C-alpha atoms as a PDB file:
ATOM      1  CA  MET A   1      -4.809  21.573 -31.824  1.00  0.00           C
ATOM      2  CA  THR A   2      -1.788  21.843 -30.107  1.00  0.00           C
ATOM      3  CA  THR A   3      -0.488  19.150 -27.615  1.00  0.00           C
ATOM      4  CA  PRO A   4       0.156  20.249 -24.368  1.00  0.00           C
ATOM      5  CA  LYS A   5       3.883  20.425 -23.752  1.00  0.00           C
ATOM      6  CA  GLN A   6       6.117  21.161 -20.473  1.00  0.00           C
ATOM      7  CA  HIS A   7       9.693  21.249 -20.057  1.00  0.00           C
ATOM      8  CA  THR A   8      12.211  21.893 -17.064  1.00  0.00           C
ATOM      9  CA  VAL A   9      16.312  21.767 -17.005  1.00  0.00           C
ATOM     10  CA  ILE A  10      18.353  19.638 -14.693  1.00  0.00           C
ATOM     11  CA  ASP A  11      21.878  19.573 -13.933  1.00  0.00           C
ATOM     12  CA  SER A  12      23.646  16.626 -14.719  1.00  0.00           C
ATOM     13  CA  PRO A  13      27.676  15.487 -14.652  1.00  0.00           C
ATOM     14  CA  TYR A  14      27.229  16.132 -18.450  1.00  0.00           C
ATOM     15  CA  GLY A  15      25.973  19.549 -18.793  1.00  0.00           C
ATOM     16  CA  PRO A  16      22.472  20.689 -18.054  1.00  0.00           C
ATOM     17  CA  LEU A  17      19.282  18.692 -19.510  1.00  0.00           C
ATOM     18  CA  THR A  18      16.288  19.805 -20.549  1.00  0.00           C
ATOM     19  CA  LEU A  19      13.431  17.116 -20.617  1.00  0.00           C
ATOM     20  CA  VAL A  20      10.293  17.773 -22.539  1.00  0.00           C
ATOM     21  CA  ALA A  21       7.055  16.128 -21.646  1.00  0.00           C
ATOM     22  CA  THR A  22       4.171  15.855 -23.826  1.00  0.00           C
ATOM     23  CA  ASP A  23       0.377  15.122 -22.524  1.00  0.00           C
ATOM     24  CA  GLY A  24       2.573  14.516 -19.266  1.00  0.00           C
ATOM     25  CA  VAL A  25       5.056  11.755 -20.543  1.00  0.00           C
ATOM     26  CA  LEU A  26       8.344  12.004 -21.395  1.00  0.00           C
ATOM     27  CA  SER A  27       9.040  13.086 -24.930  1.00  0.00           C
ATOM     28  CA  GLY A  28      12.370  14.932 -24.924  1.00  0.00           C
ATOM     29  CA  LEU A  29      15.774  14.809 -23.103  1.00  0.00           C
ATOM     30  CA  TYR A  30      18.396  17.639 -24.826  1.00  0.00           C
ATOM     31  CA  MET A  31      21.836  18.005 -24.214  1.00  0.00           C
ATOM     32  CA  THR A  32      23.374  21.977 -24.800  1.00  0.00           C
ATOM     33  CA  ASP A  33      24.544  22.253 -28.063  1.00  0.00           C
ATOM     34  CA  GLN A  34      22.892  18.711 -29.169  1.00  0.00           C
ATOM     35  CA  ARG A  35      22.653  18.457 -33.165  1.00  0.00           C
ATOM     36  CA  HIS A  36      18.880  17.658 -34.020  1.00  0.00           C
ATOM     37  CA  ARG A  37      17.945  19.622 -30.605  1.00  0.00           C
ATOM     38  CA  PRO A  38      14.218  21.229 -31.588  1.00  0.00           C
ATOM     39  CA  PRO A  39      14.005  25.189 -31.014  1.00  0.00           C
ATOM     40  CA  GLU A  40      13.403  26.213 -27.432  1.00  0.00           C
ATOM     41  CA  GLU A  41       9.775  27.592 -28.077  1.00  0.00           C
ATOM     42  CA  THR A  42       8.560  23.863 -28.946  1.00  0.00           C
ATOM     43  CA  PHE A  43       9.211  23.102 -25.251  1.00  0.00           C
ATOM     44  CA  GLY A  44       6.163  24.238 -23.859  1.00  0.00           C
ATOM     45  CA  GLU A  45       5.774  26.097 -20.500  1.00  0.00           C
ATOM     46  CA  PRO A  46       8.548  25.597 -17.637  1.00  0.00           C
ATOM     47  CA  ASP A  47       6.907  23.114 -15.342  1.00  0.00           C
ATOM     48  CA  ASP A  48       8.550  20.372 -13.808  1.00  0.00           C
ATOM     49  CA  THR A  49       5.463  18.709 -12.524  1.00  0.00           C
ATOM     50  CA  PRO A  50       5.518  16.151 -14.854  1.00  0.00           C
ATOM     51  CA  PHE A  51       9.095  15.034 -14.585  1.00  0.00           C
ATOM     52  CA  GLY A  52       9.430  13.362 -10.821  1.00  0.00           C
ATOM     53  CA  GLU A  53       9.968   9.956 -11.840  1.00  0.00           C
ATOM     54  CA  ALA A  54      12.555  10.738 -14.563  1.00  0.00           C
ATOM     55  CA  ILE A  55      14.575  12.901 -12.540  1.00  0.00           C
ATOM     56  CA  GLU A  56      14.655  10.778  -9.840  1.00  0.00           C
ATOM     57  CA  GLU A  57      15.830   8.041 -12.246  1.00  0.00           C
ATOM     58  CA  LEU A  58      18.299  10.096 -14.000  1.00  0.00           C
ATOM     59  CA  ARG A  59      19.662  10.832 -10.431  1.00  0.00           C
ATOM     60  CA  ALA A  60      20.066   7.032  -9.719  1.00  0.00           C
ATOM     61  CA  TYR A  61      21.667   6.656 -13.054  1.00  0.00           C
ATOM     62  CA  PHE A  62      24.187   9.302 -12.298  1.00  0.00           C
ATOM     63  CA  ALA A  63      24.935   7.772  -9.166  1.00  0.00           C
ATOM     64  CA  GLY A  64      25.913   4.491 -10.884  1.00  0.00           C
ATOM     65  CA  GLU A  65      22.643   3.489  -8.911  1.00  0.00           C
ATOM     66  CA  LEU A  66      20.447   2.204 -11.905  1.00  0.00           C
ATOM     67  CA  LYS A  67      21.401   0.362 -15.106  1.00  0.00           C
ATOM     68  CA  GLU A  68      17.677   0.346 -16.888  1.00  0.00           C
ATOM     69  CA  PHE A  69      15.237   2.811 -16.868  1.00  0.00           C
ATOM     70  CA  SER A  70      11.751   2.715 -16.810  1.00  0.00           C
ATOM     71  CA  VAL A  71      10.145   5.995 -17.016  1.00  0.00           C
ATOM     72  CA  ARG A  72       7.059   6.120 -19.232  1.00  0.00           C
ATOM     73  CA  LEU A  73       8.139   7.382 -22.814  1.00  0.00           C
ATOM     74  CA  ARG A  74       6.433   8.921 -25.584  1.00  0.00           C
ATOM     75  CA  LEU A  75       8.664   8.149 -28.524  1.00  0.00           C
ATOM     76  CA  ASP A  76       7.603  10.341 -31.488  1.00  0.00           C
ATOM     77  CA  GLY A  77       8.789   9.616 -34.994  1.00  0.00           C
ATOM     78  CA  THR A  78       8.334   6.980 -37.883  1.00  0.00           C
ATOM     79  CA  PRO A  79       7.621   3.602 -37.627  1.00  0.00           C
ATOM     80  CA  PHE A  80      11.307   2.494 -38.623  1.00  0.00           C
ATOM     81  CA  GLN A  81      12.613   5.386 -36.080  1.00  0.00           C
ATOM     82  CA  ARG A  82      10.672   3.913 -33.294  1.00  0.00           C
ATOM     83  CA  SER A  83      11.886   0.448 -34.424  1.00  0.00           C
ATOM     84  CA  VAL A  84      15.562   1.631 -33.856  1.00  0.00           C
ATOM     85  CA  TRP A  85      14.964   3.128 -30.589  1.00  0.00           C
ATOM     86  CA  GLU A  86      13.560   0.242 -29.478  1.00  0.00           C
ATOM     87  CA  GLN A  87      16.566  -1.905 -30.332  1.00  0.00           C
ATOM     88  CA  LEU A  88      18.631   1.099 -28.681  1.00  0.00           C
ATOM     89  CA  ARG A  89      16.794   0.540 -25.679  1.00  0.00           C
ATOM     90  CA  LYS A  90      17.895  -3.663 -25.386  1.00  0.00           C
ATOM     91  CA  ILE A  91      21.530  -2.629 -25.654  1.00  0.00           C
ATOM     92  CA  PRO A  92      22.584  -3.665 -22.129  1.00  0.00           C
ATOM     93  CA  TYR A  93      24.026  -1.164 -19.743  1.00  0.00           C
ATOM     94  CA  GLY A  94      28.332  -0.537 -20.330  1.00  0.00           C
ATOM     95  CA  GLU A  95      27.831  -2.777 -23.345  1.00  0.00           C
ATOM     96  CA  THR A  96      27.747  -1.430 -27.134  1.00  0.00           C
ATOM     97  CA  ARG A  97      26.254  -2.683 -30.579  1.00  0.00           C
ATOM     98  CA  SER A  98      27.255  -1.517 -34.099  1.00  0.00           C
ATOM     99  CA  TYR A  99      25.124   0.076 -36.496  1.00  0.00           C
ATOM    100  CA  GLY A 100      25.137  -3.120 -38.811  1.00  0.00           C
ATOM    101  CA  GLU A 101      24.207  -4.952 -35.414  1.00  0.00           C
ATOM    102  CA  LEU A 102      21.234  -3.054 -35.036  1.00  0.00           C
ATOM    103  CA  ALA A 103      20.290  -3.373 -38.726  1.00  0.00           C
ATOM    104  CA  ASP A 104      20.592  -7.209 -38.295  1.00  0.00           C
ATOM    105  CA  ALA A 105      18.365  -7.196 -35.111  1.00  0.00           C
ATOM    106  CA  LEU A 106      15.749  -5.498 -37.386  1.00  0.00           C
ATOM    107  CA  GLY A 107      15.934  -8.071 -39.989  1.00  0.00           C
ATOM    108  CA  ASN A 108      17.434  -5.795 -42.667  1.00  0.00           C
ATOM    109  CA  PRO A 109      21.262  -6.012 -42.525  1.00  0.00           C
ATOM    110  CA  LYS A 110      21.648  -3.423 -45.409  1.00  0.00           C
ATOM    111  CA  ALA A 111      20.065  -0.536 -43.279  1.00  0.00           C
ATOM    112  CA  SER A 112      22.656   0.389 -41.302  1.00  0.00           C
ATOM    113  CA  ARG A 113      22.716   3.479 -42.809  1.00  0.00           C
ATOM    114  CA  ALA A 114      19.078   4.234 -42.166  1.00  0.00           C
ATOM    115  CA  VAL A 115      19.953   3.131 -38.781  1.00  0.00           C
ATOM    116  CA  GLY A 116      22.546   5.951 -37.925  1.00  0.00           C
ATOM    117  CA  LEU A 117      19.934   8.203 -39.118  1.00  0.00           C
ATOM    118  CA  ALA A 118      17.590   7.069 -36.763  1.00  0.00           C
ATOM    119  CA  ASN A 119      20.106   6.680 -34.037  1.00  0.00           C
ATOM    120  CA  GLY A 120      21.137  10.716 -34.765  1.00  0.00           C
ATOM    121  CA  LYS A 121      16.997  11.714 -34.245  1.00  0.00           C
ATOM    122  CA  ASN A 122      16.655   9.765 -30.796  1.00  0.00           C
ATOM    123  CA  PRO A 123      14.805  12.493 -28.668  1.00  0.00           C
ATOM    124  CA  LEU A 124      15.291  10.952 -25.580  1.00  0.00           C
ATOM    125  CA  GLY A 125      19.453  10.776 -25.253  1.00  0.00           C
ATOM    126  CA  ILE A 126      20.711   8.688 -22.202  1.00  0.00           C
ATOM    127  CA  ILE A 127      17.689   6.852 -21.435  1.00  0.00           C
ATOM    128  CA  VAL A 128      17.242   5.566 -25.096  1.00  0.00           C
ATOM    129  CA  PRO A 129      21.156   4.557 -25.046  1.00  0.00           C
ATOM    130  CA  CYS A 130      22.293   5.931 -28.508  1.00  0.00           C
ATOM    131  CA  HIS A 131      25.411   6.682 -26.980  1.00  0.00           C
ATOM    132  CA  ARG A 132      25.925   2.348 -26.893  1.00  0.00           C
ATOM    133  CA  VAL A 133      26.253   2.566 -30.564  1.00  0.00           C
ATOM    134  CA  VAL A 134      29.609   2.425 -32.106  1.00  0.00           C
ATOM    135  CA  GLY A 135      31.411   1.833 -35.467  1.00  0.00           C
ATOM    136  CA  ALA A 136      31.403  -1.616 -37.026  1.00  0.00           C
ATOM    137  CA  ASP A 137      35.438  -1.470 -36.031  1.00  0.00           C
ATOM    138  CA  GLY A 138      34.413  -0.232 -32.243  1.00  0.00           C
ATOM    139  CA  SER A 139      35.844   3.216 -33.016  1.00  0.00           C
ATOM    140  CA  LEU A 140      33.404   6.316 -31.814  1.00  0.00           C
ATOM    141  CA  THR A 141      31.044   7.718 -34.302  1.00  0.00           C
ATOM    142  CA  GLY A 142      28.665  10.581 -34.327  1.00  0.00           C
ATOM    143  CA  TYR A 143      26.669  11.491 -31.324  1.00  0.00           C
ATOM    144  CA  GLY A 144      24.310  14.475 -31.284  1.00  0.00           C
ATOM    145  CA  GLY A 145      25.847  15.639 -27.485  1.00  0.00           C
ATOM    146  CA  GLY A 146      29.299  15.369 -29.128  1.00  0.00           C
ATOM    147  CA  LEU A 147      31.803  12.586 -29.305  1.00  0.00           C
ATOM    148  CA  GLU A 148      33.471  13.467 -25.886  1.00  0.00           C
ATOM    149  CA  ARG A 149      30.399  13.099 -24.208  1.00  0.00           C
ATOM    150  CA  LYS A 150      29.511  10.034 -25.794  1.00  0.00           C
ATOM    151  CA  GLN A 151      33.135   8.833 -24.920  1.00  0.00           C
ATOM    152  CA  ARG A 152      32.407   9.919 -20.947  1.00  0.00           C
ATOM    153  CA  LEU A 153      29.082   8.151 -20.830  1.00  0.00           C
ATOM    154  CA  LEU A 154      30.703   4.631 -22.145  1.00  0.00           C
ATOM    155  CA  ASP A 155      33.414   5.262 -19.834  1.00  0.00           C
ATOM    156  CA  PHE A 156      31.434   6.055 -16.965  1.00  0.00           C
ATOM    157  CA  GLU A 157      28.709   2.734 -17.886  1.00  0.00           C
ATOM    158  CA  ARG A 158      31.897   0.558 -17.971  1.00  0.00           C
ATOM    159  CA  GLY A 159      32.799   1.904 -14.119  1.00  0.00           C
ATOM    160  CA  GLU A 160      36.235   3.874 -15.083  1.00  0.00           C
ATOM    161  CA  ARG A 161      36.501   6.404 -11.863  1.00  0.00           C
ATOM    162  CA  GLY A 162      35.884   9.891 -12.764  1.00  0.00           C
ATOM    163  CA  ALA A 163      33.520   9.519 -16.031  1.00  0.00           C
ATOM    164  CA  ALA A 164      30.727  11.119 -14.739  1.00  0.00           C
ATOM    165  CA  LEU A 165      32.611  14.254 -13.776  1.00  0.00           C
ATOM    166  CA  PHE A 166      32.142  16.998 -17.067  1.00  0.00           C
END
């Protein structure tokens, strides 16, 4: 038996975002040209019904009025991936952490590479803020939505003028 899914596409300062719900709960947020973006045919029927709260929160975030998302999420992944994604949600708005710092927080300091792989498979970019993860030296490293978007999101959260415009 398949799980019912719906999707909708919204505009954002970073290009169109595809929101996916599984059983009425937000389970995906994908950018165009995103690495690890599932095939469109897996997104379910077009229907914006389950996305009201997510859209409202995303609009408030892009307006600079929301710093922490509270919309209910369905994070489908391995137990390790889910633990990494939960750590991402603890990174404060406007701050960054390294892969090594996340591995330390998980109690496995040698797992920074595995943390990076899990970070890259994050199905809910922006809301689960994988853009806040940087290299050990503070440099920008891989981002499924592209390094330019990552830099713009970080600049936006740091309050730099014009960063929200794409």
